[in-house]
Protein backbone atom coordinates (compact mmCIF):
# COMPACT_ATOMS: atom_id res chain seq x y z
CA GLY A 1 155.29 -105.89 14.37
CA LEU A 2 158.56 -104.75 12.83
CA THR A 3 156.86 -101.89 11.01
CA GLY A 4 155.30 -100.54 14.20
CA LEU A 5 158.58 -100.87 16.11
CA ALA A 6 160.56 -99.04 13.39
CA GLY A 7 158.01 -96.23 13.33
CA GLN A 8 157.92 -95.81 17.11
CA LEU A 9 161.72 -95.80 17.46
CA ALA A 10 161.99 -93.24 14.65
CA VAL A 11 159.43 -90.99 16.36
CA TRP A 12 161.20 -91.18 19.74
CA ALA A 13 164.58 -90.38 18.14
CA ARG A 14 163.10 -87.47 16.22
CA GLU A 15 161.35 -86.03 19.26
CA ALA A 16 164.59 -86.23 21.26
CA SER A 17 166.62 -84.79 18.36
CA ASP A 18 168.80 -87.87 18.71
CA TRP A 19 170.02 -87.84 15.13
CA GLU A 20 172.49 -90.66 15.62
CA ALA A 21 169.70 -92.93 16.87
CA LEU A 22 167.46 -91.88 13.99
CA GLU A 23 170.26 -92.72 11.56
CA ARG A 24 170.61 -96.18 13.08
CA VAL A 25 166.88 -96.76 12.60
CA TRP A 26 167.21 -95.85 8.92
CA LEU A 27 170.24 -98.06 8.30
CA ARG A 28 169.27 -101.12 10.33
CA PHE A 29 165.58 -101.63 9.74
CA PRO A 30 164.41 -103.15 6.43
CA PRO A 31 163.29 -100.43 3.98
CA ARG A 32 159.88 -102.05 3.63
CA SER A 33 159.17 -101.61 7.35
CA LEU A 34 160.06 -97.91 7.06
CA PHE A 35 158.24 -97.17 3.79
CA THR A 36 155.03 -98.78 5.06
CA SER A 37 155.09 -96.99 8.42
CA PRO A 38 153.39 -93.56 8.51
CA LEU A 39 155.19 -92.88 11.81
CA ALA A 40 158.61 -93.57 10.29
CA GLU A 41 157.87 -91.50 7.21
CA ARG A 42 156.79 -88.54 9.33
CA ALA A 43 159.85 -88.85 11.55
CA LEU A 44 162.34 -89.20 8.69
CA GLY A 45 160.71 -86.89 6.18
CA ASP A 46 161.07 -83.12 6.23
CA LEU A 47 164.21 -83.07 8.40
CA PRO A 48 165.78 -79.65 9.12
CA GLU A 49 168.32 -78.43 6.57
CA GLY A 50 171.11 -78.37 9.14
CA VAL A 51 170.57 -82.05 9.94
CA ARG A 52 170.49 -83.03 6.26
CA ALA A 53 173.66 -81.02 5.60
CA GLU A 54 175.62 -82.48 8.51
CA ARG A 55 174.31 -86.04 8.21
CA PRO A 56 174.05 -87.10 4.53
CA VAL A 57 172.67 -90.51 5.51
CA LEU A 58 169.68 -88.76 7.07
CA GLY A 59 169.50 -86.60 3.95
CA GLN A 60 169.07 -89.81 1.96
CA ALA A 61 166.38 -90.93 4.44
CA ALA A 62 164.57 -87.58 4.24
CA ALA A 63 164.57 -87.72 0.43
CA PHE A 64 163.28 -91.28 0.26
CA CYS A 65 160.54 -90.49 2.78
CA ALA A 66 159.55 -87.22 1.09
CA SER A 67 155.96 -87.11 -0.09
CA ALA A 68 154.34 -85.12 -2.85
CA GLY A 69 151.09 -85.12 -0.87
CA HIS A 70 149.06 -85.72 -4.02
CA GLY A 71 149.49 -86.49 -7.72
CA GLY A 72 149.98 -90.25 -7.66
CA VAL A 73 153.01 -92.48 -7.97
CA ASP A 74 154.84 -90.31 -10.55
CA ALA A 75 154.59 -87.25 -8.32
CA GLU A 76 155.73 -89.26 -5.28
CA LEU A 77 158.90 -90.43 -7.01
CA ASP A 78 159.57 -86.99 -8.45
CA ALA A 79 159.32 -85.44 -4.98
CA LYS A 80 161.98 -87.85 -3.72
CA VAL A 81 164.25 -87.23 -6.70
CA ARG A 82 163.93 -83.44 -6.29
CA CYS A 83 165.06 -83.72 -2.68
CA VAL A 84 168.11 -85.83 -3.61
CA ILE A 85 169.15 -83.40 -6.36
CA ALA A 86 168.54 -80.29 -4.24
CA ASP A 87 170.60 -81.62 -1.34
CA GLY A 88 173.31 -82.83 -3.72
CA TRP A 89 173.78 -79.30 -5.07
CA ALA A 90 173.29 -77.46 -1.79
CA PHE A 91 175.23 -79.52 0.75
CA HIS A 92 177.55 -82.07 -0.78
CA GLY A 93 180.10 -80.36 -3.02
CA GLN A 94 182.72 -81.31 -0.40
CA TRP A 95 181.50 -84.88 0.10
CA ARG A 96 185.06 -86.23 0.41
CA ARG A 97 185.49 -84.45 3.76
CA ARG A 98 182.77 -86.41 5.52
CA GLY A 99 183.87 -88.18 8.68
CA THR A 100 182.34 -91.63 8.21
CA VAL A 101 182.27 -93.93 5.20
CA ASP A 102 178.46 -93.98 5.22
CA ASP A 103 178.25 -90.19 5.22
CA ALA A 104 180.90 -89.80 2.51
CA VAL A 105 179.34 -92.39 0.18
CA ALA A 106 175.80 -91.08 0.75
CA ALA A 107 176.93 -87.49 0.14
CA GLY A 108 178.90 -88.53 -2.94
CA ALA A 109 175.88 -90.41 -4.31
CA MET A 110 173.61 -87.39 -3.86
CA ARG A 111 176.20 -85.18 -5.53
CA LEU A 112 176.37 -87.67 -8.40
CA PHE A 113 172.59 -87.65 -8.83
CA ALA A 114 172.72 -83.84 -8.96
CA GLU A 115 175.52 -83.78 -11.54
CA MET A 116 173.79 -86.34 -13.79
CA SER A 117 170.48 -84.46 -13.71
CA MET A 118 169.45 -82.06 -16.46
CA ALA A 119 170.73 -79.12 -14.40
CA GLY A 120 174.14 -80.78 -14.28
CA SER A 121 174.24 -81.91 -17.90
CA LEU A 122 173.58 -78.40 -19.18
CA ARG A 123 177.01 -77.52 -17.76
CA ASP A 124 178.57 -80.90 -18.60
CA PRO A 125 176.82 -82.48 -21.64
CA GLY A 126 179.07 -85.55 -21.68
CA LEU A 127 178.59 -86.10 -17.93
CA ASP A 128 182.37 -86.27 -17.55
CA VAL A 129 182.29 -84.42 -14.23
CA ALA A 130 179.56 -86.73 -12.95
CA TRP A 131 181.53 -89.80 -13.99
CA ALA A 132 184.68 -88.47 -12.30
CA THR A 133 182.61 -88.19 -9.11
CA ALA A 134 181.41 -91.77 -9.56
CA LEU A 135 184.98 -93.02 -9.91
CA ASP A 136 186.09 -91.12 -6.79
CA VAL A 137 183.19 -92.42 -4.70
CA GLU A 138 183.83 -95.98 -5.87
CA ASP A 139 187.52 -95.63 -5.00
CA LEU A 140 186.52 -94.59 -1.47
CA LEU A 141 184.04 -97.46 -1.23
CA VAL A 142 186.60 -100.05 -2.36
CA ARG A 143 189.22 -98.76 0.08
CA SER A 144 186.73 -98.93 2.93
CA ILE A 145 185.99 -102.58 2.10
CA ARG A 146 189.70 -103.42 2.03
CA GLU A 147 190.10 -101.74 5.41
CA ALA A 148 187.17 -103.78 6.81
CA THR A 149 185.01 -100.68 7.32
CA PRO A 150 182.48 -101.11 4.50
CA PRO A 151 179.46 -98.83 4.09
CA SER A 152 175.99 -99.97 5.05
CA PRO A 153 174.22 -101.95 2.29
CA LEU A 154 171.53 -99.25 2.00
CA VAL A 155 174.18 -96.58 1.32
CA ALA A 156 176.25 -98.74 -1.06
CA SER A 157 173.13 -99.62 -3.07
CA PHE A 158 172.25 -95.91 -3.21
CA PHE A 159 175.63 -95.09 -4.77
CA HIS A 160 175.53 -97.92 -7.32
CA SER A 161 172.03 -96.87 -8.42
CA ALA A 162 173.40 -93.39 -9.15
CA ALA A 163 176.48 -94.75 -10.94
CA SER A 164 174.51 -97.21 -13.09
CA SER A 165 172.03 -94.50 -14.11
CA THR A 166 174.89 -92.16 -15.02
CA ALA A 167 176.53 -94.87 -17.12
CA VAL A 168 173.23 -95.47 -18.99
CA LEU A 169 173.01 -91.78 -19.88
CA ARG A 170 176.63 -91.94 -21.09
CA ARG A 171 175.89 -95.10 -23.14
CA ASP A 172 178.68 -96.85 -21.23
CA TRP A 173 176.94 -100.22 -21.17
CA ASP A 174 179.74 -102.20 -19.50
CA GLU A 175 179.85 -99.83 -16.55
CA ALA A 176 176.06 -99.60 -16.43
CA LYS A 177 175.81 -103.38 -16.17
CA ARG A 178 178.53 -103.64 -13.52
CA HIS A 179 177.11 -100.95 -11.25
CA ALA A 180 173.53 -102.15 -11.75
CA GLN A 181 174.46 -105.67 -10.70
CA LEU A 182 176.31 -104.35 -7.65
CA GLY A 183 173.38 -102.11 -6.75
CA MET A 184 170.97 -105.03 -6.90
CA HIS A 185 173.42 -107.19 -4.89
CA TRP A 186 173.86 -104.63 -2.09
CA SER A 187 170.21 -103.64 -2.00
CA PRO A 188 168.23 -104.64 1.10
CA GLU A 189 164.77 -106.04 0.37
CA CYS A 190 162.37 -103.45 -1.03
CA ASP A 191 165.04 -100.75 -1.26
CA VAL A 192 164.19 -98.21 -3.98
CA SER A 193 167.87 -97.97 -4.98
CA GLY A 194 167.84 -101.64 -5.92
CA PHE A 195 164.89 -101.04 -8.23
CA ILE A 196 166.64 -98.10 -9.91
CA SER A 197 169.68 -100.33 -10.50
CA ALA A 198 167.39 -103.03 -11.91
CA LEU A 199 165.94 -100.56 -14.42
CA ALA A 200 169.44 -99.53 -15.48
CA LEU A 201 170.24 -103.23 -16.03
CA ALA A 202 167.00 -103.72 -18.01
CA ILE A 203 167.85 -100.82 -20.34
CA THR A 204 171.43 -102.03 -20.70
CA GLY A 205 170.33 -105.58 -21.50
CA LEU A 206 168.06 -104.32 -24.26
CA MET A 207 170.61 -101.93 -25.75
CA VAL A 208 173.37 -104.56 -25.94
CA GLY A 209 171.04 -107.39 -26.95
CA SER A 210 171.14 -109.42 -23.74
CA PRO A 211 167.62 -110.73 -23.00
CA LYS A 212 168.98 -112.58 -19.97
CA GLU A 213 169.94 -109.33 -18.23
CA TYR A 214 166.60 -107.74 -19.13
CA ARG A 215 164.64 -110.68 -17.72
CA ARG A 216 166.74 -110.75 -14.57
CA ALA A 217 166.14 -107.05 -13.99
CA MET A 218 162.40 -107.18 -14.62
CA ARG A 219 162.07 -110.24 -12.39
CA PHE A 220 163.74 -108.23 -9.62
CA VAL A 221 161.05 -105.56 -9.95
CA GLU A 222 158.05 -107.80 -10.58
CA GLU A 223 158.63 -110.21 -7.70
CA HIS A 224 157.73 -107.39 -5.31
CA GLY A 225 154.30 -106.91 -6.86
CA ASP A 226 152.77 -109.65 -4.68
CA HIS A 227 153.20 -107.69 -1.46
CA ARG A 228 152.41 -104.24 -2.88
CA CYS A 229 155.90 -102.93 -2.23
CA PRO A 230 155.79 -99.08 -2.22
CA ALA A 231 159.31 -98.79 -3.64
CA ALA A 232 158.40 -101.02 -6.59
CA GLU A 233 155.29 -98.94 -7.26
CA TRP A 234 157.40 -95.78 -7.39
CA VAL A 235 159.56 -97.13 -10.24
CA VAL A 236 156.69 -98.59 -12.32
CA PRO A 237 156.46 -95.44 -14.52
CA MET A 238 160.18 -95.65 -15.26
CA ALA A 239 159.96 -99.38 -16.00
CA ALA A 240 157.46 -98.60 -18.76
CA LEU A 241 160.21 -97.39 -21.12
CA PRO A 242 162.38 -100.56 -21.22
CA ARG A 243 159.20 -102.66 -21.22
CA LEU A 244 157.94 -100.83 -24.34
CA LEU A 245 161.31 -101.34 -26.04
CA GLN A 246 161.08 -105.07 -25.40
CA ASP A 247 157.41 -105.16 -26.45
CA GLN A 248 158.15 -103.62 -29.82
CA ARG A 249 160.95 -106.12 -30.45
CA LEU A 250 158.31 -108.82 -30.04
CA LEU A 251 155.93 -106.80 -32.29
CA HIS A 252 153.58 -105.90 -29.43
CA ARG A 253 152.41 -102.30 -29.80
CA GLY A 254 152.41 -101.51 -26.08
CA ASP A 255 151.48 -98.06 -24.82
CA PRO A 256 153.38 -95.32 -26.72
CA ALA A 257 152.37 -92.67 -24.14
CA VAL A 258 155.65 -93.34 -22.31
CA LEU A 259 157.50 -91.98 -25.35
CA ARG A 260 156.30 -88.45 -24.56
CA TRP A 261 158.87 -86.52 -22.56
CA ASP A 262 157.38 -83.03 -22.91
CA GLY A 263 153.61 -83.30 -22.53
CA PRO A 264 150.76 -84.39 -20.27
CA GLY A 265 151.40 -87.83 -18.85
CA ALA A 266 155.17 -87.62 -19.39
CA SER A 267 157.28 -89.03 -16.57
CA PRO A 268 158.79 -86.09 -14.65
CA VAL A 269 161.66 -88.27 -13.45
CA LEU A 270 162.68 -89.30 -16.97
CA ARG A 271 162.57 -85.64 -17.96
CA ARG A 272 164.52 -84.56 -14.86
CA PHE A 273 167.38 -86.89 -15.80
CA GLY A 274 167.25 -86.21 -19.54
CA TYR A 275 166.03 -89.53 -20.93
CA ALA A 276 164.55 -87.78 -24.01
CA PRO A 277 167.20 -89.24 -26.40
CA MET A 278 166.30 -92.77 -25.38
CA GLN A 279 162.58 -92.01 -25.67
CA LEU A 280 163.21 -90.68 -29.19
CA TRP A 281 165.25 -93.79 -30.06
CA VAL A 282 162.55 -96.18 -28.87
CA GLY A 283 159.85 -94.05 -30.48
CA SER A 284 161.54 -94.08 -33.88
CA PHE A 285 161.29 -97.86 -34.17
CA TRP A 286 157.73 -97.85 -32.83
CA SER A 287 156.87 -95.38 -35.62
CA ILE A 288 158.62 -97.44 -38.31
CA LEU A 289 156.51 -100.45 -37.34
CA TRP A 290 153.09 -98.88 -36.82
CA SER A 291 152.95 -95.26 -38.01
CA GLN A 292 152.73 -93.62 -41.44
CA PRO A 293 156.30 -92.82 -42.63
CA GLU A 294 155.81 -89.10 -43.39
CA ARG A 295 154.14 -88.46 -40.05
CA ALA A 296 156.74 -90.56 -38.22
CA LEU A 297 159.66 -88.60 -39.70
CA ALA A 298 158.00 -85.22 -39.06
CA GLU A 299 157.23 -86.12 -35.43
CA PHE A 300 160.74 -87.45 -34.91
CA ASP A 301 162.39 -84.31 -36.32
CA ALA A 302 160.10 -82.11 -34.20
CA GLY A 303 160.93 -84.16 -31.11
CA VAL A 304 164.66 -83.93 -31.77
CA ALA A 305 164.44 -80.15 -32.27
CA ALA A 306 162.45 -79.70 -29.06
CA ALA A 307 164.82 -81.91 -27.08
CA ASP A 308 167.80 -80.03 -28.48
CA ASP A 309 166.25 -76.68 -27.55
CA ALA A 310 165.71 -78.02 -24.01
CA GLY A 311 169.37 -79.08 -23.82
CA MET A 312 168.48 -82.77 -23.59
CA LEU A 313 170.47 -84.14 -26.53
CA ARG A 314 173.70 -85.22 -24.90
CA GLY A 315 176.62 -85.86 -27.22
CA ASP A 316 176.88 -89.58 -26.42
CA TRP A 317 173.38 -90.15 -27.81
CA GLY A 318 173.96 -88.19 -31.03
CA PRO A 319 174.95 -91.23 -33.13
CA LEU A 320 171.89 -93.20 -31.98
CA ILE A 321 169.61 -90.30 -32.89
CA LEU A 322 171.25 -90.14 -36.33
CA ARG A 323 170.86 -93.91 -36.75
CA ALA A 324 167.17 -93.63 -35.87
CA ARG A 325 166.71 -90.92 -38.50
CA VAL A 326 168.46 -93.00 -41.16
CA GLU A 327 166.11 -95.91 -40.39
CA LEU A 328 163.10 -93.58 -40.65
CA LEU A 329 164.33 -92.22 -43.98
CA LEU A 330 164.74 -95.77 -45.29
CA SER A 331 161.20 -96.67 -44.26
CA LEU A 332 159.96 -93.55 -46.05
CA GLY A 333 161.89 -94.35 -49.21
CA ALA A 334 164.12 -91.25 -49.01
CA VAL A 335 167.09 -93.32 -50.09
CA ASN A 336 169.63 -90.66 -50.96
CA ARG A 337 169.04 -88.74 -47.75
CA ALA A 338 169.40 -92.02 -45.88
CA ARG A 339 172.68 -92.67 -47.66
CA ARG A 340 174.03 -89.26 -46.68
CA GLY A 341 172.96 -89.82 -43.08
CA ARG A 342 174.61 -93.23 -43.08
CA ALA A 343 177.88 -91.67 -44.29
CA ASP A 344 177.76 -89.14 -41.43
CA LEU A 345 177.00 -91.95 -38.98
CA GLU A 346 179.94 -94.01 -40.24
CA GLU A 347 182.26 -91.11 -39.45
CA GLN A 348 180.91 -90.85 -35.91
CA GLU A 349 180.41 -94.50 -34.94
CA PRO A 350 181.29 -97.04 -37.65
CA LEU A 351 179.83 -100.10 -35.91
CA LEU A 352 176.46 -98.40 -35.56
CA ALA A 353 176.41 -97.71 -39.31
CA LEU A 354 176.82 -101.36 -40.36
CA VAL A 355 173.13 -102.35 -40.37
CA PRO A 356 171.85 -99.32 -42.37
CA LYS A 357 174.84 -99.68 -44.71
CA ALA A 358 173.95 -103.31 -45.35
CA ARG A 359 170.29 -102.40 -45.89
CA LEU A 360 171.18 -99.63 -48.33
CA ASN A 361 173.28 -102.06 -50.38
CA LEU A 362 170.38 -104.49 -50.32
CA LEU A 363 168.10 -101.73 -51.57
CA ALA A 364 170.48 -100.95 -54.43
CA ARG A 365 170.31 -104.67 -55.36
CA ASP A 366 174.06 -104.85 -54.76
CA VAL A 367 173.62 -108.17 -53.03
CA ASP A 368 177.34 -109.01 -52.87
CA ALA A 369 178.09 -105.72 -51.12
CA ALA A 370 175.15 -106.22 -48.74
CA ALA A 371 176.39 -109.70 -47.81
CA ALA A 372 179.97 -108.43 -47.42
CA VAL A 373 178.90 -105.68 -45.01
CA ALA A 374 176.81 -108.21 -43.09
CA ASP A 375 179.80 -110.55 -42.82
CA GLU A 376 182.00 -107.68 -41.66
CA GLY A 377 179.68 -107.16 -38.71
CA LEU A 378 179.08 -110.84 -38.02
CA TYR A 379 182.82 -111.52 -37.77
CA SER A 380 183.33 -108.61 -35.36
CA LEU A 381 183.32 -109.38 -31.65
CA ARG A 382 182.21 -105.82 -30.89
CA VAL A 383 178.80 -105.95 -32.60
CA PRO A 384 176.01 -106.56 -30.04
CA LEU A 385 173.62 -109.47 -30.37
CA HIS A 386 170.55 -107.56 -31.58
CA GLU A 387 172.62 -105.91 -34.35
CA ARG A 388 173.98 -109.31 -35.36
CA ALA A 389 170.40 -110.48 -35.75
CA HIS A 390 169.74 -107.65 -38.24
CA LEU A 391 172.89 -108.53 -40.18
CA GLU A 392 171.98 -112.23 -40.34
CA VAL A 393 168.59 -111.33 -41.83
CA VAL A 394 170.13 -108.93 -44.37
CA LYS A 395 172.65 -111.61 -45.40
CA ALA A 396 169.87 -114.15 -45.92
CA ALA A 397 167.86 -111.62 -47.96
CA ALA A 398 170.92 -110.73 -50.06
CA ARG A 399 171.59 -114.35 -50.95
CA LEU A 400 167.92 -114.87 -51.76
CA LEU A 401 167.97 -111.92 -54.16
CA GLY A 402 171.27 -113.15 -55.55
CA GLU A 403 169.49 -116.34 -56.55
CA ALA A 404 171.52 -118.63 -54.34
CA ASP A 405 170.32 -122.22 -54.26
CA ALA A 406 167.39 -123.03 -51.99
CA ARG A 407 169.50 -125.08 -49.56
CA THR A 408 171.86 -122.15 -48.96
CA VAL A 409 168.98 -119.74 -48.35
CA ASP A 410 167.28 -122.27 -46.04
CA ALA A 411 170.44 -122.48 -43.94
CA LEU A 412 170.86 -118.69 -43.78
CA VAL A 413 167.22 -118.15 -42.79
CA GLU A 414 167.61 -120.78 -40.05
CA ALA A 415 170.75 -119.03 -38.78
CA ALA A 416 168.94 -115.67 -38.77
CA CYS A 417 166.00 -117.23 -36.93
CA LEU A 418 168.31 -118.70 -34.28
CA VAL A 419 170.06 -115.38 -33.62
CA CYS A 420 166.70 -113.57 -33.45
CA GLN A 421 165.55 -116.24 -31.00
CA GLU A 422 168.63 -115.66 -28.85
CA ALA A 423 168.18 -111.88 -29.02
CA ASN A 424 164.45 -112.30 -28.29
CA SER A 425 163.66 -109.92 -31.14
CA LEU A 426 161.56 -110.08 -34.31
CA LEU A 427 162.57 -106.58 -35.35
CA PRO A 428 165.15 -107.70 -37.97
CA PHE A 429 162.44 -109.48 -40.00
CA ALA A 430 159.90 -106.71 -39.31
CA MET A 431 162.22 -104.08 -40.82
CA LEU A 432 162.11 -105.78 -44.25
CA PRO A 433 159.51 -104.93 -46.92
CA ALA A 434 156.54 -107.30 -46.74
CA ASP A 435 157.17 -108.99 -50.08
CA LEU A 436 160.83 -109.72 -49.35
CA ARG A 437 160.00 -110.90 -45.82
CA SER A 438 157.34 -113.22 -47.25
CA ARG A 439 159.83 -114.74 -49.67
CA LEU A 440 162.33 -115.29 -46.85
CA LEU A 441 159.71 -116.91 -44.64
CA ASP A 442 159.00 -119.42 -47.43
CA HIS A 443 162.47 -120.78 -46.61
CA HIS A 444 161.78 -121.00 -42.87
CA ASP A 445 161.05 -124.35 -41.25
CA PRO A 446 158.65 -123.63 -38.33
CA GLY A 447 159.64 -126.88 -36.62
CA HIS A 448 163.42 -126.53 -36.79
CA LEU A 449 163.62 -125.84 -33.05
CA GLY A 450 161.27 -128.64 -32.17
CA GLY A 451 158.65 -126.12 -31.01
CA GLY A 452 158.95 -122.74 -29.34
CA CYS A 453 160.26 -120.90 -32.41
CA LEU A 454 159.73 -117.17 -31.89
CA LEU A 455 159.52 -116.43 -35.61
CA ALA A 456 157.06 -119.26 -36.30
CA GLY A 457 154.86 -118.06 -33.45
CA ALA A 458 154.79 -114.52 -34.85
CA VAL A 459 153.80 -115.79 -38.30
CA GLU A 460 151.07 -117.98 -36.82
CA ASP A 461 149.70 -115.08 -34.73
CA GLY A 462 149.72 -112.69 -37.71
CA ALA A 463 152.09 -110.28 -35.94
CA PHE A 464 153.66 -109.15 -39.23
CA ASP A 465 150.29 -108.45 -40.85
CA ALA A 466 149.64 -105.41 -38.64
CA LEU A 467 152.87 -103.62 -39.62
CA VAL A 468 153.07 -100.63 -41.93
CA ASP A 469 154.92 -101.78 -45.04
CA LYS A 470 158.24 -100.20 -45.90
CA ARG A 471 158.35 -98.05 -49.03
CA TRP A 472 162.02 -98.24 -49.82
CA TRP A 473 161.90 -101.47 -51.79
CA GLY A 474 160.69 -99.83 -55.03
CA ASN A 475 163.09 -96.88 -54.90
CA PHE A 476 166.60 -96.97 -56.24
CA PRO A 477 169.31 -94.54 -55.11
CA VAL A 478 170.55 -92.09 -57.71
CA HIS A 479 174.30 -92.52 -58.19
CA LEU A 480 176.18 -89.43 -59.34
CA THR A 481 179.83 -89.15 -60.30
CA PRO A 482 181.91 -86.66 -58.27
CA ARG A 483 181.85 -84.23 -61.25
CA GLU A 484 178.06 -84.51 -61.55
CA GLN A 485 177.65 -83.97 -57.81
CA ALA A 486 179.88 -80.87 -57.95
CA LEU A 487 177.98 -79.48 -60.95
CA LEU A 488 174.63 -80.03 -59.22
CA HIS A 489 175.77 -78.00 -56.20
CA ARG A 490 177.09 -75.16 -58.40
CA LEU A 491 173.78 -75.04 -60.26
CA ALA A 492 171.99 -74.91 -56.92
CA GLU A 493 174.05 -71.83 -56.05
CA GLY A 494 172.45 -70.08 -59.05
CA LEU A 495 175.52 -70.04 -61.30
CA SER A 496 175.19 -70.28 -65.07
CA LEU A 497 177.09 -72.88 -67.11
CA ALA A 498 179.33 -70.13 -68.48
CA GLU A 499 180.21 -68.94 -64.96
CA ILE A 500 180.96 -72.49 -63.82
CA ALA A 501 183.06 -73.17 -66.94
CA ALA A 502 185.16 -70.02 -66.36
CA ALA A 503 185.70 -70.87 -62.67
CA ASP A 504 186.56 -74.54 -63.24
CA PHE A 505 188.51 -74.19 -66.52
CA VAL A 506 186.27 -76.55 -68.47
CA SER A 507 184.28 -76.02 -71.66
CA VAL A 508 180.61 -75.11 -71.64
CA ASN A 509 179.89 -78.07 -73.94
CA THR A 510 181.34 -80.47 -71.36
CA LEU A 511 179.09 -78.98 -68.70
CA ARG A 512 176.05 -79.18 -71.01
CA LYS A 513 176.69 -82.92 -71.46
CA GLN A 514 177.01 -83.40 -67.66
CA GLU A 515 173.81 -81.44 -67.05
CA ALA A 516 172.00 -83.53 -69.65
CA GLU A 517 173.17 -86.68 -67.91
CA LEU A 518 171.92 -85.28 -64.59
CA ARG A 519 168.49 -84.65 -66.11
CA ARG A 520 168.43 -88.16 -67.53
CA LYS A 521 169.29 -89.77 -64.19
CA LEU A 522 166.67 -87.72 -62.37
CA ASP A 523 164.09 -88.03 -65.18
CA VAL A 524 163.42 -84.28 -65.56
CA HIS A 525 163.68 -81.73 -68.37
CA GLY A 526 164.27 -78.20 -67.06
CA ARG A 527 166.84 -76.66 -64.68
CA ASN A 528 164.28 -75.83 -61.97
CA ASP A 529 162.82 -79.34 -62.18
CA LEU A 530 166.33 -80.74 -61.88
CA LEU A 531 167.03 -78.84 -58.66
CA SER A 532 163.61 -79.62 -57.21
CA ARG A 533 163.97 -83.32 -57.94
CA ALA A 534 167.50 -83.38 -56.51
CA PHE A 535 166.16 -81.87 -53.29
CA GLU A 536 163.27 -84.35 -53.15
CA VAL A 537 165.52 -87.40 -53.39
CA GLY A 538 168.08 -86.04 -50.95
CA LEU A 539 170.91 -85.13 -53.30
CA LEU A 540 170.62 -81.50 -52.18
CA ALA A 541 169.88 -80.12 -48.74
CA ALA A 542 167.69 -77.06 -48.19
CA SER A 543 170.82 -75.04 -47.40
CA ASP A 544 172.21 -75.85 -50.86
CA LEU A 545 169.35 -74.04 -52.61
CA ARG A 546 170.64 -70.53 -52.11
CA HIS A 547 169.22 -68.77 -55.15
CA GLU A 548 166.14 -69.12 -57.28
CA ARG A 549 166.54 -68.94 -61.01
């Protein structure tokens, strides 16, 4: 058969040191026939360094045919990734000087994988160098197509898998989608690069709220399960992360083990490429739904600190990590800390702050402000679909609390349901406190879609009943005037009222009245209780408490 022929030809070429013939075997035979042939894997794997350095296409072949020898599927894929990264650093810094298009694109792709790895990102946290490499390789690839000398599909798919993965780590979703689609298009059947591109598309689809892209990507992977495709088996551990993200949006618990990036059972490939920020992001929402709030926040903060110490918190993911923490603080009921975090988030990435801003206004019972923020996002063309679903639900809840007439609330709940249906996500309703969600669901018509309503199905199955209820509904934020906020911080520094009065040119009596108002708002009596309470509700940070009185 084809598998036996590919293996025998590879062995003959290897024995004769006919590297050009061996390269032709790699490029012209279907990947499945090579990956399922022990002869081909032995011939292509473990090639001499000189051959891999001079012939990048064979370096790609040697990496893909590398074997861990033991340790299961995770170890197999990690062995292949290690080879790609090692060769990318060692041999391909001058990839542009390669003689053929195939060699130049293959060398450039390996260099790109090296630069996007953790070793590369420690030098280049924003992956700007890696992305510059991606742009240069794509320019070469496009020129070769225009000149009617295109690269082999196996090599082109290899490059696009590297570029799509780099774009995911940079949170550049448009580029991730484009390269992922090209990688899947170029990919020969059962090519591991095609599967890597599919996973990049799955993650992108979920992050921008496009269920269609997610389903297309997962179909690409799953359709190879029938014939036990080795390449598909290698990427199964990596597919677990986007699958868990989709599961939790449908209120399925899934297996949270994939969220570990630094312990037993963690995927070495996800760690090697620094996917810890995404694991923390996915894990934060899993914790909000099914974990106790105090434990969830403590574990999240510990995970962020550990990832930061390991150099895995790239700048592009900073706003998402902050957003996740704000959502955790809201679920815990730490309203003032959540408000401060939301303000920081708005400075960094205003669109990402819209949903928590709307929820905070809802919490403060400022229903008009909550609805206005929701409308601001809903009228923006830049807000992704899954965020629009959250805003639709907040708007419906705000009008319900504002005692709008039943027909208006019915229409808003139906609109929210439709957007959640399109986004294939129940998370916007799940993020509400149980009592408010129950009141909203009283306005939901289970038959408004004529059957197949995602929200109605979740209610019928009791999916919301298993969730940990949110605590923030009974807590109100403490609003301080600028003068009260300034006084609170000066008191935290250990200054007396007389010292503050002398420094700020105000009377002591004025300050006494402001301090009394602070104590009233925070429902305490003494100075120490005032500072302790201010810290508890998030009006003071630990760094503000510099002196003990």
